[in-house]
Amino acid sequence: MIRTRSLFRRGAAAAAAGAVALLLAACGGSDDGSGDHGKDGAPASGPAASREDHNTADVTFAKGMIPHHRQAVEMADLAPGRAASAEVKKLAADIKKAQDPEIETLSGWLDSWGEEVPAEGEMDHSMHGSAGGMMSAEDMEKLREAKGAAFDTAFMEMMIEHHEGAVAMAETEQAEGSYAPAKKMAGEIISAQEAEIDAMKSLLDKG
């Protein structure tokens, strides 16, 4: 009887060990990393595969560039009735034509991300420090009061500083952002505004 019980126990233990081995083999998967898992072990689909495609830098870029563009458009709107130079009037029209649609696009991105769009008239650009290039209330008043050649000079000097701030913001977006359309817009802003800076400096040199 004792011998029978001993044989039974050995057989049960062997069966249990075999079951555990089969279970481990089923859970372990193949050694070559193939299957429905990513490199980090997460499933190829699901939350890990549907991560947000934008980051904090993209949000900062959009929230900063909207008031920045709005001020540039406000400055450009002064040119038709105050500028003496046809070149300055054209430059102002080009700025407005480029930046109005970008404001709409940036606002749409923020809406889609569940972020608040800066309110109209919101000109606090402190998040960018001295690199923002935003004009103060006193600067804007000076521009509104200028006419003719004095306006042309003030407009271009201020817009160069303003553009330099936008270029710096766009460069930060290209370096730190992750949203492809925002990075693409940043590249376009850099290209267009650097060209306009060169044009304005050339006009100022001519006197």
N, C-alpha and C. Protein backbone atom coordinates (compact mmCIF):
# COMPACT_ATOMS: atom_id res chain seq x y z
N MET A 1 0.84 -1.20 0.00
CA MET A 1 0.00 0.00 0.00
C MET A 1 0.88 1.26 0.00
N ILE A 2 1.94 1.20 0.85
CA ILE A 2 2.84 2.36 0.91
C ILE A 2 3.51 2.56 -0.43
N ARG A 3 3.97 1.44 -1.07
CA ARG A 3 4.62 1.55 -2.38
C ARG A 3 3.67 2.13 -3.42
N THR A 4 2.40 1.73 -3.36
CA THR A 4 1.40 2.24 -4.33
C THR A 4 1.21 3.73 -4.17
N ARG A 5 1.10 4.18 -2.88
CA ARG A 5 0.91 5.61 -2.66
C ARG A 5 2.12 6.41 -3.13
N SER A 6 3.32 5.87 -2.95
CA SER A 6 4.54 6.56 -3.38
C SER A 6 4.58 6.72 -4.88
N LEU A 7 4.24 5.67 -5.60
CA LEU A 7 4.22 5.75 -7.07
C LEU A 7 3.18 6.76 -7.55
N PHE A 8 2.04 6.78 -6.84
CA PHE A 8 0.98 7.72 -7.23
C PHE A 8 1.44 9.17 -7.07
N ARG A 9 2.12 9.42 -5.92
CA ARG A 9 2.60 10.78 -5.67
C ARG A 9 3.62 11.22 -6.71
N ARG A 10 4.55 10.30 -7.08
CA ARG A 10 5.56 10.62 -8.09
C ARG A 10 4.91 10.94 -9.43
N GLY A 11 3.89 10.15 -9.80
CA GLY A 11 3.19 10.39 -11.08
C GLY A 11 2.47 11.72 -11.08
N ALA A 12 1.86 12.07 -9.96
CA ALA A 12 1.14 13.35 -9.87
C ALA A 12 2.10 14.53 -9.96
N ALA A 13 3.25 14.38 -9.29
CA ALA A 13 4.24 15.46 -9.33
C ALA A 13 4.77 15.66 -10.73
N ALA A 14 5.04 14.55 -11.43
CA ALA A 14 5.52 14.66 -12.81
C ALA A 14 4.49 15.31 -13.71
N ALA A 15 3.24 14.97 -13.53
CA ALA A 15 2.18 15.57 -14.35
C ALA A 15 2.06 17.06 -14.09
N ALA A 16 2.17 17.44 -12.80
CA ALA A 16 2.09 18.86 -12.46
C ALA A 16 3.25 19.64 -13.06
N ALA A 17 4.46 19.05 -12.99
CA ALA A 17 5.63 19.72 -13.57
C ALA A 17 5.47 19.89 -15.07
N GLY A 18 4.94 18.87 -15.72
CA GLY A 18 4.72 18.98 -17.17
C GLY A 18 3.73 20.07 -17.52
N ALA A 19 2.67 20.21 -16.72
CA ALA A 19 1.66 21.25 -16.96
C ALA A 19 2.26 22.64 -16.82
N VAL A 20 3.10 22.82 -15.77
CA VAL A 20 3.75 24.12 -15.57
C VAL A 20 4.66 24.46 -16.73
N ALA A 21 5.41 23.47 -17.22
CA ALA A 21 6.31 23.70 -18.35
C ALA A 21 5.54 24.13 -19.59
N LEU A 22 4.41 23.47 -19.84
CA LEU A 22 3.60 23.85 -21.01
C LEU A 22 3.05 25.26 -20.87
N LEU A 23 2.65 25.63 -19.64
CA LEU A 23 2.11 26.97 -19.40
C LEU A 23 3.16 28.04 -19.61
N LEU A 24 4.38 27.81 -19.14
CA LEU A 24 5.46 28.77 -19.32
C LEU A 24 5.82 28.93 -20.79
N ALA A 25 5.82 27.83 -21.52
CA ALA A 25 6.15 27.90 -22.95
C ALA A 25 5.12 28.71 -23.70
N ALA A 26 3.85 28.55 -23.31
CA ALA A 26 2.78 29.28 -23.99
C ALA A 26 2.87 30.77 -23.71
N CYS A 27 3.25 31.15 -22.47
CA CYS A 27 3.31 32.56 -22.11
C CYS A 27 4.59 33.24 -22.59
N GLY A 28 5.67 32.46 -22.75
CA GLY A 28 6.96 33.07 -23.04
C GLY A 28 7.08 33.61 -24.43
N GLY A 29 6.39 33.08 -25.40
CA GLY A 29 6.50 33.56 -26.78
C GLY A 29 7.81 33.15 -27.37
N SER A 30 8.11 33.59 -28.58
CA SER A 30 9.34 33.22 -29.27
C SER A 30 10.48 34.09 -28.82
N ASP A 31 11.67 33.61 -29.00
CA ASP A 31 12.86 34.35 -28.56
C ASP A 31 13.25 35.46 -29.50
N ASP A 32 12.70 35.51 -30.72
CA ASP A 32 13.13 36.51 -31.69
C ASP A 32 12.36 37.81 -31.60
N GLY A 33 11.46 37.92 -30.59
CA GLY A 33 10.73 39.17 -30.38
C GLY A 33 9.59 39.36 -31.34
N SER A 34 9.26 38.35 -32.16
CA SER A 34 8.15 38.50 -33.10
C SER A 34 6.84 38.37 -32.35
N GLY A 35 5.76 38.71 -33.00
CA GLY A 35 4.45 38.64 -32.39
C GLY A 35 3.82 40.01 -32.38
N ASP A 36 2.74 40.16 -31.61
CA ASP A 36 1.95 41.39 -31.62
C ASP A 36 2.37 42.34 -30.51
N HIS A 37 3.67 42.44 -30.23
CA HIS A 37 4.14 43.35 -29.20
C HIS A 37 5.19 44.28 -29.78
N GLY A 38 5.20 45.51 -29.25
CA GLY A 38 6.19 46.48 -29.67
C GLY A 38 7.49 46.22 -28.95
N LYS A 39 8.45 47.10 -29.20
CA LYS A 39 9.78 46.94 -28.61
C LYS A 39 9.74 47.04 -27.10
N ASP A 40 8.76 47.79 -26.57
CA ASP A 40 8.70 47.95 -25.12
C ASP A 40 7.79 46.92 -24.49
N GLY A 41 7.34 45.93 -25.25
CA GLY A 41 6.49 44.88 -24.70
C GLY A 41 5.02 45.23 -24.74
N ALA A 42 4.66 46.44 -25.14
CA ALA A 42 3.26 46.84 -25.20
C ALA A 42 2.64 46.29 -26.47
N PRO A 43 1.33 46.07 -26.46
CA PRO A 43 0.68 45.61 -27.68
C PRO A 43 0.87 46.59 -28.81
N ALA A 44 0.87 46.07 -30.05
CA ALA A 44 1.09 46.92 -31.22
C ALA A 44 -0.07 47.85 -31.47
N SER A 45 -1.23 47.53 -30.93
CA SER A 45 -2.39 48.40 -31.06
C SER A 45 -2.88 48.73 -29.66
N GLY A 46 -3.76 49.71 -29.56
CA GLY A 46 -4.27 50.09 -28.26
C GLY A 46 -3.63 51.37 -27.78
N PRO A 47 -3.73 51.70 -26.48
CA PRO A 47 -3.26 52.98 -25.95
C PRO A 47 -1.82 53.29 -26.29
N ALA A 48 -0.92 52.29 -26.26
CA ALA A 48 0.49 52.57 -26.53
C ALA A 48 0.72 53.00 -27.97
N ALA A 49 -0.14 52.51 -28.88
CA ALA A 49 0.04 52.84 -30.29
C ALA A 49 -0.70 54.11 -30.68
N SER A 50 -1.56 54.63 -29.79
CA SER A 50 -2.37 55.79 -30.14
C SER A 50 -2.01 56.99 -29.27
N ARG A 51 -0.73 57.12 -28.92
CA ARG A 51 -0.27 58.25 -28.12
C ARG A 51 -0.52 59.56 -28.88
N GLU A 52 -0.72 60.64 -28.12
CA GLU A 52 -0.92 61.94 -28.74
C GLU A 52 0.28 62.30 -29.61
N ASP A 53 0.02 62.93 -30.74
CA ASP A 53 1.11 63.26 -31.65
C ASP A 53 1.58 64.69 -31.50
N HIS A 54 1.20 65.36 -30.40
CA HIS A 54 1.72 66.69 -30.11
C HIS A 54 2.23 66.71 -28.68
N ASN A 55 3.04 67.72 -28.36
CA ASN A 55 3.58 67.82 -27.01
C ASN A 55 3.43 69.24 -26.48
N THR A 56 4.01 69.48 -25.32
CA THR A 56 3.89 70.80 -24.68
C THR A 56 4.51 71.90 -25.53
N ALA A 57 5.61 71.60 -26.21
CA ALA A 57 6.25 72.61 -27.06
C ALA A 57 5.33 73.05 -28.19
N ASP A 58 4.55 72.11 -28.74
CA ASP A 58 3.60 72.45 -29.81
C ASP A 58 2.51 73.38 -29.28
N VAL A 59 2.02 73.09 -28.09
CA VAL A 59 0.98 73.94 -27.49
C VAL A 59 1.53 75.33 -27.21
N THR A 60 2.73 75.40 -26.66
CA THR A 60 3.37 76.69 -26.38
C THR A 60 3.56 77.49 -27.66
N PHE A 61 3.99 76.81 -28.71
CA PHE A 61 4.19 77.46 -30.02
C PHE A 61 2.88 78.07 -30.51
N ALA A 62 1.81 77.29 -30.49
CA ALA A 62 0.53 77.78 -30.99
C ALA A 62 -0.01 78.93 -30.13
N LYS A 63 0.06 78.77 -28.81
CA LYS A 63 -0.48 79.80 -27.92
C LYS A 63 0.35 81.09 -27.97
N GLY A 64 1.63 80.96 -28.25
CA GLY A 64 2.47 82.15 -28.35
C GLY A 64 2.38 82.82 -29.70
N MET A 65 2.28 82.03 -30.77
CA MET A 65 2.30 82.60 -32.11
C MET A 65 0.99 83.28 -32.48
N ILE A 66 -0.11 82.85 -31.88
CA ILE A 66 -1.40 83.49 -32.20
C ILE A 66 -1.39 84.98 -31.82
N PRO A 67 -1.12 85.36 -30.57
CA PRO A 67 -1.08 86.81 -30.27
C PRO A 67 0.06 87.52 -30.99
N HIS A 68 1.15 86.81 -31.24
CA HIS A 68 2.27 87.41 -31.97
C HIS A 68 1.83 87.78 -33.38
N HIS A 69 1.19 86.85 -34.06
CA HIS A 69 0.68 87.13 -35.41
C HIS A 69 -0.39 88.21 -35.39
N ARG A 70 -1.26 88.18 -34.39
CA ARG A 70 -2.32 89.18 -34.32
C ARG A 70 -1.73 90.58 -34.24
N GLN A 71 -0.65 90.74 -33.49
CA GLN A 71 -0.05 92.07 -33.39
C GLN A 71 0.60 92.47 -34.71
N ALA A 72 1.23 91.50 -35.40
CA ALA A 72 1.82 91.81 -36.70
C ALA A 72 0.74 92.26 -37.68
N VAL A 73 -0.41 91.60 -37.66
CA VAL A 73 -1.52 91.98 -38.54
C VAL A 73 -2.03 93.37 -38.16
N GLU A 74 -2.11 93.65 -36.87
CA GLU A 74 -2.53 94.98 -36.41
C GLU A 74 -1.57 96.05 -36.93
N MET A 75 -0.29 95.78 -36.87
CA MET A 75 0.70 96.72 -37.39
C MET A 75 0.55 96.88 -38.90
N ALA A 76 0.35 95.76 -39.59
CA ALA A 76 0.20 95.81 -41.05
C ALA A 76 -1.04 96.59 -41.46
N ASP A 77 -2.10 96.51 -40.67
CA ASP A 77 -3.34 97.23 -41.00
C ASP A 77 -3.18 98.74 -40.96
N LEU A 78 -2.14 99.22 -40.29
CA LEU A 78 -1.90 100.67 -40.22
C LEU A 78 -1.26 101.21 -41.50
N ALA A 79 -0.60 100.34 -42.25
CA ALA A 79 0.21 100.78 -43.38
C ALA A 79 -0.55 101.45 -44.52
N PRO A 80 -1.69 100.92 -44.95
CA PRO A 80 -2.34 101.53 -46.12
C PRO A 80 -2.62 103.02 -45.98
N GLY A 81 -2.99 103.47 -44.79
CA GLY A 81 -3.32 104.88 -44.61
C GLY A 81 -2.19 105.73 -44.09
N ARG A 82 -1.02 105.14 -43.78
CA ARG A 82 0.05 105.91 -43.17
C ARG A 82 1.39 105.81 -43.90
N ALA A 83 1.65 104.70 -44.56
CA ALA A 83 2.94 104.50 -45.20
C ALA A 83 3.10 105.40 -46.43
N ALA A 84 4.33 105.83 -46.68
CA ALA A 84 4.64 106.60 -47.89
C ALA A 84 5.18 105.70 -48.98
N SER A 85 5.87 104.65 -48.58
CA SER A 85 6.56 103.77 -49.53
C SER A 85 5.65 102.67 -50.05
N ALA A 86 5.66 102.49 -51.36
CA ALA A 86 4.89 101.40 -51.96
C ALA A 86 5.43 100.05 -51.50
N GLU A 87 6.75 99.98 -51.30
CA GLU A 87 7.36 98.72 -50.83
C GLU A 87 6.86 98.36 -49.44
N VAL A 88 6.73 99.35 -48.55
CA VAL A 88 6.24 99.10 -47.21
C VAL A 88 4.77 98.68 -47.25
N LYS A 89 3.99 99.30 -48.08
CA LYS A 89 2.59 98.93 -48.20
C LYS A 89 2.44 97.48 -48.69
N LYS A 90 3.27 97.11 -49.66
CA LYS A 90 3.21 95.74 -50.17
C LYS A 90 3.67 94.74 -49.11
N LEU A 91 4.74 95.11 -48.40
CA LEU A 91 5.24 94.24 -47.34
C LEU A 91 4.15 94.01 -46.29
N ALA A 92 3.47 95.08 -45.89
CA ALA A 92 2.40 94.96 -44.90
C ALA A 92 1.27 94.07 -45.41
N ALA A 93 0.92 94.22 -46.68
CA ALA A 93 -0.14 93.39 -47.26
C ALA A 93 0.27 91.92 -47.28
N ASP A 94 1.53 91.65 -47.59
CA ASP A 94 2.03 90.27 -47.62
C ASP A 94 2.01 89.65 -46.22
N ILE A 95 2.37 90.45 -45.23
CA ILE A 95 2.37 89.96 -43.85
C ILE A 95 0.96 89.58 -43.43
N LYS A 96 0.02 90.44 -43.71
CA LYS A 96 -1.38 90.17 -43.36
C LYS A 96 -1.90 88.93 -44.10
N LYS A 97 -1.57 88.83 -45.37
CA LYS A 97 -2.03 87.71 -46.18
C LYS A 97 -1.49 86.37 -45.67
N ALA A 98 -0.26 86.37 -45.20
CA ALA A 98 0.36 85.13 -44.71
C ALA A 98 -0.10 84.76 -43.30
N GLN A 99 -0.23 85.77 -42.45
CA GLN A 99 -0.42 85.47 -41.03
C GLN A 99 -1.86 85.29 -40.61
N ASP A 100 -2.80 85.91 -41.29
CA ASP A 100 -4.22 85.68 -40.97
C ASP A 100 -4.60 84.20 -41.06
N PRO A 101 -4.28 83.51 -42.17
CA PRO A 101 -4.61 82.08 -42.24
C PRO A 101 -3.86 81.24 -41.21
N GLU A 102 -2.65 81.63 -40.87
CA GLU A 102 -1.90 80.88 -39.87
C GLU A 102 -2.55 81.00 -38.49
N ILE A 103 -3.11 82.15 -38.19
CA ILE A 103 -3.83 82.32 -36.93
C ILE A 103 -4.99 81.33 -36.87
N GLU A 104 -5.74 81.21 -37.97
CA GLU A 104 -6.86 80.28 -38.02
C GLU A 104 -6.40 78.84 -37.83
N THR A 105 -5.31 78.48 -38.50
CA THR A 105 -4.78 77.12 -38.38
C THR A 105 -4.32 76.81 -36.97
N LEU A 106 -3.57 77.72 -36.38
CA LEU A 106 -3.09 77.54 -35.01
C LEU A 106 -4.25 77.42 -34.03
N SER A 107 -5.28 78.22 -34.22
CA SER A 107 -6.46 78.15 -33.35
C SER A 107 -7.16 76.81 -33.49
N GLY A 108 -7.23 76.30 -34.71
CA GLY A 108 -7.84 75.00 -34.94
C GLY A 108 -7.08 73.87 -34.26
N TRP A 109 -5.76 73.96 -34.28
CA TRP A 109 -4.96 72.94 -33.59
C TRP A 109 -5.25 72.95 -32.09
N LEU A 110 -5.28 74.14 -31.49
CA LEU A 110 -5.53 74.23 -30.06
C LEU A 110 -6.91 73.67 -29.72
N ASP A 111 -7.91 73.98 -30.54
CA ASP A 111 -9.25 73.43 -30.32
C ASP A 111 -9.23 71.90 -30.35
N SER A 112 -8.54 71.35 -31.33
CA SER A 112 -8.51 69.89 -31.48
C SER A 112 -7.75 69.22 -30.35
N TRP A 113 -6.82 69.96 -29.71
CA TRP A 113 -6.05 69.41 -28.59
C TRP A 113 -6.74 69.64 -27.25
N GLY A 114 -7.90 70.31 -27.27
CA GLY A 114 -8.59 70.62 -26.03
C GLY A 114 -7.94 71.73 -25.24
N GLU A 115 -7.20 72.59 -25.95
CA GLU A 115 -6.51 73.71 -25.31
C GLU A 115 -7.25 75.02 -25.57
N GLU A 116 -7.07 75.97 -24.67
CA GLU A 116 -7.73 77.27 -24.81
C GLU A 116 -7.01 78.14 -25.82
N VAL A 117 -7.77 78.75 -26.72
CA VAL A 117 -7.21 79.67 -27.70
C VAL A 117 -7.07 81.04 -27.04
N PRO A 118 -5.91 81.69 -27.16
CA PRO A 118 -5.75 83.03 -26.56
C PRO A 118 -6.85 83.97 -27.01
N ALA A 119 -7.38 84.73 -26.08
CA ALA A 119 -8.47 85.65 -26.38
C ALA A 119 -7.99 86.78 -27.26
N GLU A 120 -8.92 87.34 -28.04
CA GLU A 120 -8.60 88.51 -28.86
C GLU A 120 -8.11 89.63 -27.96
N GLY A 121 -7.05 90.30 -28.39
CA GLY A 121 -6.51 91.40 -27.61
C GLY A 121 -5.54 90.97 -26.54
N GLU A 122 -5.34 89.64 -26.40
CA GLU A 122 -4.41 89.14 -25.39
C GLU A 122 -2.99 89.23 -25.94
N MET A 123 -2.23 90.15 -25.41
CA MET A 123 -0.89 90.41 -25.95
C MET A 123 0.23 90.09 -24.97
N ASP A 124 -0.11 89.41 -23.87
CA ASP A 124 0.93 89.06 -22.89
C ASP A 124 1.84 88.01 -23.51
N HIS A 125 3.09 88.39 -23.76
CA HIS A 125 4.03 87.48 -24.41
C HIS A 125 5.19 87.17 -23.48
N SER A 126 4.94 87.26 -22.18
CA SER A 126 6.03 87.11 -21.22
C SER A 126 6.65 85.73 -21.25
N MET A 127 5.90 84.72 -21.74
CA MET A 127 6.45 83.37 -21.78
C MET A 127 7.67 83.27 -22.68
N HIS A 128 7.83 84.24 -23.58
CA HIS A 128 8.96 84.20 -24.51
C HIS A 128 10.07 85.15 -24.12
N GLY A 129 9.86 85.91 -23.03
CA GLY A 129 10.90 86.83 -22.59
C GLY A 129 11.24 87.84 -23.66
N SER A 130 12.48 88.24 -23.69
CA SER A 130 12.90 89.27 -24.64
C SER A 130 12.96 88.75 -26.06
N ALA A 131 12.88 87.43 -26.24
CA ALA A 131 12.95 86.87 -27.59
C ALA A 131 11.62 86.96 -28.32
N GLY A 132 10.56 87.36 -27.60
CA GLY A 132 9.25 87.37 -28.23
C GLY A 132 9.08 88.42 -29.30
N GLY A 133 9.77 89.53 -29.15
CA GLY A 133 9.68 90.59 -30.15
C GLY A 133 8.37 91.35 -30.15
N MET A 134 7.55 91.18 -29.12
CA MET A 134 6.26 91.88 -29.08
C MET A 134 6.47 93.36 -28.79
N MET A 135 5.68 94.20 -29.45
CA MET A 135 5.74 95.63 -29.23
C MET A 135 4.94 95.99 -27.97
N SER A 136 5.44 96.97 -27.24
CA SER A 136 4.71 97.46 -26.07
C SER A 136 3.56 98.35 -26.51
N ALA A 137 2.70 98.69 -25.56
CA ALA A 137 1.59 99.61 -25.86
C ALA A 137 2.13 100.95 -26.34
N GLU A 138 3.25 101.39 -25.76
CA GLU A 138 3.86 102.66 -26.16
C GLU A 138 4.38 102.59 -27.60
N ASP A 139 4.99 101.46 -27.95
CA ASP A 139 5.46 101.27 -29.32
C ASP A 139 4.32 101.36 -30.32
N MET A 140 3.22 100.68 -29.99
CA MET A 140 2.07 100.66 -30.90
C MET A 140 1.47 102.06 -31.04
N GLU A 141 1.43 102.80 -29.95
CA GLU A 141 0.90 104.16 -30.02
C GLU A 141 1.80 105.04 -30.89
N LYS A 142 3.10 104.87 -30.76
CA LYS A 142 4.05 105.61 -31.60
C LYS A 142 3.82 105.31 -33.07
N LEU A 143 3.57 104.05 -33.38
CA LEU A 143 3.35 103.67 -34.77
C LEU A 143 2.04 104.24 -35.30
N ARG A 144 1.02 104.26 -34.47
CA ARG A 144 -0.28 104.81 -34.90
C ARG A 144 -0.20 106.31 -35.18
N GLU A 145 0.67 106.99 -34.48
CA GLU A 145 0.78 108.44 -34.63
C GLU A 145 1.69 108.85 -35.79
N ALA A 146 2.52 107.93 -36.27
CA ALA A 146 3.48 108.26 -37.34
C ALA A 146 2.81 108.24 -38.71
N LYS A 147 3.37 109.05 -39.62
CA LYS A 147 2.86 109.08 -41.00
C LYS A 147 4.03 109.28 -41.96
N GLY A 148 3.80 108.88 -43.21
CA GLY A 148 4.80 109.11 -44.25
C GLY A 148 6.09 108.34 -43.99
N ALA A 149 7.21 109.01 -44.28
CA ALA A 149 8.52 108.37 -44.15
C ALA A 149 8.80 107.96 -42.70
N ALA A 150 8.30 108.74 -41.74
CA ALA A 150 8.51 108.41 -40.32
C ALA A 150 7.80 107.08 -39.99
N PHE A 151 6.63 106.91 -40.56
CA PHE A 151 5.92 105.64 -40.34
C PHE A 151 6.70 104.48 -40.96
N ASP A 152 7.16 104.68 -42.19
CA ASP A 152 7.89 103.61 -42.88
C ASP A 152 9.08 103.13 -42.04
N THR A 153 9.84 104.09 -41.52
CA THR A 153 11.02 103.73 -40.73
C THR A 153 10.62 103.01 -39.44
N ALA A 154 9.64 103.57 -38.73
CA ALA A 154 9.21 102.96 -37.46
C ALA A 154 8.62 101.58 -37.70
N PHE A 155 7.83 101.46 -38.75
CA PHE A 155 7.20 100.17 -39.07
C PHE A 155 8.26 99.10 -39.32
N MET A 156 9.23 99.42 -40.16
CA MET A 156 10.23 98.42 -40.51
C MET A 156 11.13 98.07 -39.33
N GLU A 157 11.53 99.09 -38.56
CA GLU A 157 12.37 98.80 -37.39
C GLU A 157 11.64 97.90 -36.39
N MET A 158 10.38 98.21 -36.16
CA MET A 158 9.60 97.40 -35.22
C MET A 158 9.33 96.01 -35.78
N MET A 159 9.02 95.94 -37.07
CA MET A 159 8.68 94.65 -37.66
C MET A 159 9.91 93.73 -37.74
N ILE A 160 11.08 94.30 -37.92
CA ILE A 160 12.30 93.47 -37.90
C ILE A 160 12.43 92.80 -36.53
N GLU A 161 12.28 93.58 -35.48
CA GLU A 161 12.36 93.02 -34.12
C GLU A 161 11.26 91.98 -33.90
N HIS A 162 10.07 92.31 -34.38
CA HIS A 162 8.92 91.41 -34.24
C HIS A 162 9.19 90.10 -34.97
N HIS A 163 9.67 90.17 -36.19
CA HIS A 163 9.98 88.98 -36.98
C HIS A 163 11.09 88.14 -36.33
N GLU A 164 12.09 88.83 -35.79
CA GLU A 164 13.18 88.09 -35.14
C GLU A 164 12.65 87.27 -33.97
N GLY A 165 11.68 87.81 -33.25
CA GLY A 165 11.04 87.06 -32.17
C GLY A 165 10.29 85.85 -32.70
N ALA A 166 9.58 86.03 -33.80
CA ALA A 166 8.84 84.91 -34.39
C ALA A 166 9.78 83.82 -34.87
N VAL A 167 10.89 84.22 -35.47
CA VAL A 167 11.87 83.23 -35.95
C VAL A 167 12.42 82.43 -34.78
N ALA A 168 12.71 83.10 -33.67
CA ALA A 168 13.23 82.40 -32.49
C ALA A 168 12.20 81.40 -31.96
N MET A 169 10.93 81.80 -31.93
CA MET A 169 9.87 80.90 -31.48
C MET A 169 9.74 79.70 -32.41
N ALA A 170 9.83 79.96 -33.71
CA ALA A 170 9.70 78.89 -34.69
C ALA A 170 10.88 77.92 -34.61
N GLU A 171 12.07 78.45 -34.34
CA GLU A 171 13.24 77.58 -34.19
C GLU A 171 13.09 76.67 -32.97
N THR A 172 12.51 77.21 -31.91
CA THR A 172 12.26 76.38 -30.72
C THR A 172 11.27 75.28 -31.04
N GLU A 173 10.24 75.61 -31.80
CA GLU A 173 9.25 74.59 -32.19
C GLU A 173 9.90 73.49 -33.02
N GLN A 174 10.75 73.86 -33.95
CA GLN A 174 11.41 72.85 -34.77
C GLN A 174 12.31 71.95 -33.93
N ALA A 175 12.93 72.51 -32.92
CA ALA A 175 13.85 71.74 -32.08
C ALA A 175 13.13 70.88 -31.05
N GLU A 176 11.99 71.37 -30.53
CA GLU A 176 11.37 70.70 -29.39
C GLU A 176 9.97 70.14 -29.67
N GLY A 177 9.32 70.60 -30.74
CA GLY A 177 7.97 70.14 -31.02
C GLY A 177 7.94 68.73 -31.59
N SER A 178 6.74 68.13 -31.59
CA SER A 178 6.59 66.79 -32.16
C SER A 178 5.47 66.71 -33.19
N TYR A 179 4.64 67.77 -33.28
CA TYR A 179 3.50 67.76 -34.22
C TYR A 179 3.99 68.18 -35.59
N ALA A 180 3.97 67.26 -36.54
CA ALA A 180 4.57 67.51 -37.86
C ALA A 180 4.04 68.77 -38.55
N PRO A 181 2.70 69.00 -38.59
CA PRO A 181 2.22 70.22 -39.24
C PRO A 181 2.73 71.50 -38.57
N ALA A 182 2.87 71.48 -37.25
CA ALA A 182 3.39 72.66 -36.55
C ALA A 182 4.85 72.89 -36.88
N LYS A 183 5.62 71.83 -36.95
CA LYS A 183 7.03 71.95 -37.31
C LYS A 183 7.17 72.46 -38.74
N LYS A 184 6.27 72.01 -39.62
CA LYS A 184 6.29 72.48 -41.01
C LYS A 184 5.97 73.97 -41.08
N MET A 185 4.93 74.40 -40.33
CA MET A 185 4.61 75.83 -40.29
C MET A 185 5.78 76.63 -39.75
N ALA A 186 6.44 76.12 -38.72
CA ALA A 186 7.58 76.81 -38.15
C ALA A 186 8.66 77.03 -39.20
N GLY A 187 8.91 76.02 -40.02
CA GLY A 187 9.90 76.16 -41.09
C GLY A 187 9.50 77.22 -42.09
N GLU A 188 8.22 77.28 -42.42
CA GLU A 188 7.73 78.29 -43.37
C GLU A 188 7.83 79.69 -42.78
N ILE A 189 7.56 79.81 -41.49
CA ILE A 189 7.68 81.12 -40.83
C ILE A 189 9.13 81.59 -40.86
N ILE A 190 10.05 80.70 -40.54
CA ILE A 190 11.47 81.06 -40.57
C ILE A 190 11.88 81.54 -41.95
N SER A 191 11.53 80.77 -42.98
CA SER A 191 11.92 81.11 -44.35
C SER A 191 11.34 82.46 -44.79
N ALA A 192 10.02 82.64 -44.59
CA ALA A 192 9.35 83.86 -45.04
C ALA A 192 9.81 85.09 -44.26
N GLN A 193 9.91 84.96 -42.95
CA GLN A 193 10.21 86.15 -42.15
C GLN A 193 11.69 86.53 -42.22
N GLU A 194 12.56 85.57 -42.38
CA GLU A 194 13.97 85.94 -42.58
C GLU A 194 14.14 86.69 -43.90
N ALA A 195 13.40 86.28 -44.93
CA ALA A 195 13.45 86.99 -46.22
C ALA A 195 12.92 88.42 -46.07
N GLU A 196 11.83 88.57 -45.29
CA GLU A 196 11.26 89.90 -45.08
C GLU A 196 12.20 90.77 -44.23
N ILE A 197 12.87 90.16 -43.27
CA ILE A 197 13.86 90.92 -42.48
C ILE A 197 14.95 91.48 -43.39
N ASP A 198 15.45 90.63 -44.28
CA ASP A 198 16.49 91.08 -45.22
C ASP A 198 15.99 92.22 -46.10
N ALA A 199 14.74 92.08 -46.57
CA ALA A 199 14.17 93.12 -47.44
C ALA A 199 14.02 94.44 -46.69
N MET A 200 13.55 94.38 -45.45
CA MET A 200 13.37 95.60 -44.67
C MET A 200 14.71 96.25 -44.33
N LYS A 201 15.71 95.45 -44.00
CA LYS A 201 17.03 96.02 -43.72
C LYS A 201 17.59 96.71 -44.95
N SER A 202 17.35 96.13 -46.11
CA SER A 202 17.83 96.73 -47.36
C SER A 202 17.14 98.06 -47.61
N LEU A 203 15.84 98.12 -47.37
CA LEU A 203 15.09 99.37 -47.56
C LEU A 203 15.56 100.44 -46.57
N LEU A 204 15.82 100.03 -45.33
CA LEU A 204 16.30 101.01 -44.34
C LEU A 204 17.69 101.54 -44.71
N ASP A 205 18.52 100.68 -45.26
CA ASP A 205 19.87 101.12 -45.67
C ASP A 205 19.82 102.14 -46.80
N LYS A 206 18.79 102.00 -47.64
CA LYS A 206 18.65 102.94 -48.75
C LYS A 206 18.20 104.32 -48.26
N GLY A 207 17.63 104.33 -47.05
CA GLY A 207 17.19 105.61 -46.48
C GLY A 207 15.89 106.07 -47.02
